[in-house]
């Protein structure tokens, strides 16, 4: 069960990463080309999708003993960030192996 939860966490982290990257690309496009209501709506949808995935990740991490502490330690060492900043970094961190499965949000 713990391995399934870990796999789900990594997949969700990958999705969060892709959604965040997509939002950054959309924001850059809007800066260059001006306001577009459809793109602005897509960014909003991605924000909601990211928040949902982050909540699921947090719930899954509670099911895996030591996983959250281990992730904090790894992220803190990699970035030198204080523990309170690591949660935000973890939300944006993703495995390069994660694939866009198209389960919500707008991926580019």
Protein backbone atom coordinates (compact mmCIF):
# COMPACT_ATOMS: atom_id res chain seq x y z
CA UNK A 1 0.00 0.00 0.00
CA UNK A 2 2.81 2.44 0.86
CA UNK A 3 4.43 1.86 -2.54
CA UNK A 4 1.13 2.62 -4.30
CA UNK A 5 0.83 5.83 -2.29
CA UNK A 6 4.40 6.80 -3.15
CA UNK A 7 3.75 6.19 -6.83
CA UNK A 8 0.58 8.28 -6.66
CA UNK A 9 2.46 11.07 -4.88
CA UNK A 10 5.12 11.14 -7.59
CA UNK A 11 2.53 11.12 -10.37
CA UNK A 12 0.60 13.95 -8.73
CA UNK A 13 3.80 15.93 -8.18
CA UNK A 14 4.52 15.54 -11.89
CA UNK A 15 1.06 16.81 -12.76
CA UNK A 16 1.52 19.80 -10.43
CA UNK A 17 4.85 20.53 -12.08
CA UNK A 18 3.34 20.45 -15.57
CA UNK A 19 0.39 22.60 -14.55
CA UNK A 20 2.67 25.18 -12.93
CA UNK A 21 4.93 25.21 -16.00
CA UNK A 22 1.90 25.61 -18.23
CA UNK A 23 0.69 28.56 -16.16
CA UNK A 24 4.11 30.20 -16.40
CA UNK A 25 4.06 29.80 -20.19
CA UNK A 26 0.53 31.17 -20.40
CA UNK A 27 1.47 34.16 -18.22
CA UNK A 28 4.50 34.87 -20.43
CA UNK A 29 2.29 34.73 -23.53
CA UNK A 30 -0.20 37.14 -21.96
CA UNK A 31 2.58 39.57 -21.08
CA UNK A 32 3.77 39.59 -24.68
CA UNK A 33 0.40 39.56 -26.43
CA UNK A 34 -2.04 41.24 -24.09
CA UNK A 35 -5.14 40.09 -22.23
CA UNK A 36 -7.00 37.00 -23.42
CA UNK A 37 -10.03 35.97 -21.35
CA UNK A 38 -9.82 32.31 -22.38
CA UNK A 39 -6.17 32.00 -21.40
CA UNK A 40 -6.84 33.81 -18.13
CA UNK A 41 -9.65 31.31 -17.43
CA UNK A 42 -7.31 28.41 -18.23
CA UNK A 43 -4.78 29.77 -15.73
CA UNK A 44 -7.52 29.90 -13.10
CA UNK A 45 -8.56 26.31 -13.87
CA UNK A 46 -4.94 25.22 -13.50
CA UNK A 47 -4.66 26.94 -10.14
CA UNK A 48 -7.69 25.00 -8.91
CA UNK A 49 -6.30 21.74 -10.33
CA UNK A 50 -2.94 22.38 -8.61
CA UNK A 51 -4.64 23.04 -5.27
CA UNK A 52 -6.65 19.82 -5.54
CA UNK A 53 -3.58 17.76 -6.34
CA UNK A 54 -1.60 19.35 -3.51
CA UNK A 55 -4.36 18.42 -1.06
CA UNK A 56 -4.34 14.83 -2.31
CA UNK A 57 -0.53 14.71 -2.04
CA UNK A 58 -0.72 15.90 1.57
CA UNK A 59 -3.32 13.23 2.39
CA UNK A 60 -1.24 10.50 0.75
CA UNK A 61 1.90 11.61 2.56
CA UNK A 62 0.09 11.07 5.85
CA UNK A 63 -0.41 7.42 4.86
CA UNK A 64 3.29 6.79 4.24
CA UNK A 65 5.28 6.71 7.48
CA UNK A 66 8.25 9.07 7.37
CA UNK A 67 7.61 10.16 3.79
CA UNK A 68 6.79 13.78 4.58
CA UNK A 69 9.79 14.18 6.86
CA UNK A 70 12.04 12.57 4.26
CA UNK A 71 10.75 14.87 1.51
CA UNK A 72 11.28 17.93 3.75
CA UNK A 73 14.83 16.87 4.49
CA UNK A 74 15.67 16.26 0.83
CA UNK A 75 14.10 19.51 -0.37
CA UNK A 76 15.71 21.50 2.45
CA UNK A 77 19.14 20.13 1.63
CA UNK A 78 18.74 20.79 -2.10
CA UNK A 79 17.57 24.37 -1.70
CA UNK A 80 18.88 25.46 1.69
CA UNK A 81 15.35 26.68 2.42
CA UNK A 82 13.89 26.81 5.89
CA UNK A 83 11.35 24.09 6.69
CA UNK A 84 8.37 26.45 6.36
CA UNK A 85 9.35 27.18 2.73
CA UNK A 86 9.81 23.53 1.84
CA UNK A 87 6.05 22.84 1.65
CA UNK A 88 5.69 25.29 -1.24
CA UNK A 89 8.75 23.88 -2.96
CA UNK A 90 7.44 20.35 -2.52
CA UNK A 91 4.17 21.32 -4.12
CA UNK A 92 6.01 22.44 -7.24
CA UNK A 93 8.59 19.65 -7.28
CA UNK A 94 8.03 16.85 -9.74
CA UNK A 95 9.55 13.72 -11.05
CA UNK A 96 10.79 13.96 -14.64
CA UNK A 97 9.20 10.56 -15.17
CA UNK A 98 5.68 11.81 -14.54
CA UNK A 99 3.54 12.02 -17.64
CA UNK A 100 0.73 14.36 -18.55
CA UNK A 101 -2.28 12.11 -18.35
CA UNK A 102 -4.75 14.90 -19.11
CA UNK A 103 -6.75 14.44 -15.91
CA UNK A 104 -7.78 18.01 -15.39
CA UNK A 105 -6.24 21.36 -15.97
CA UNK A 106 -4.78 22.69 -19.18
CA UNK A 107 -1.41 21.29 -20.16
CA UNK A 108 0.67 22.82 -22.93
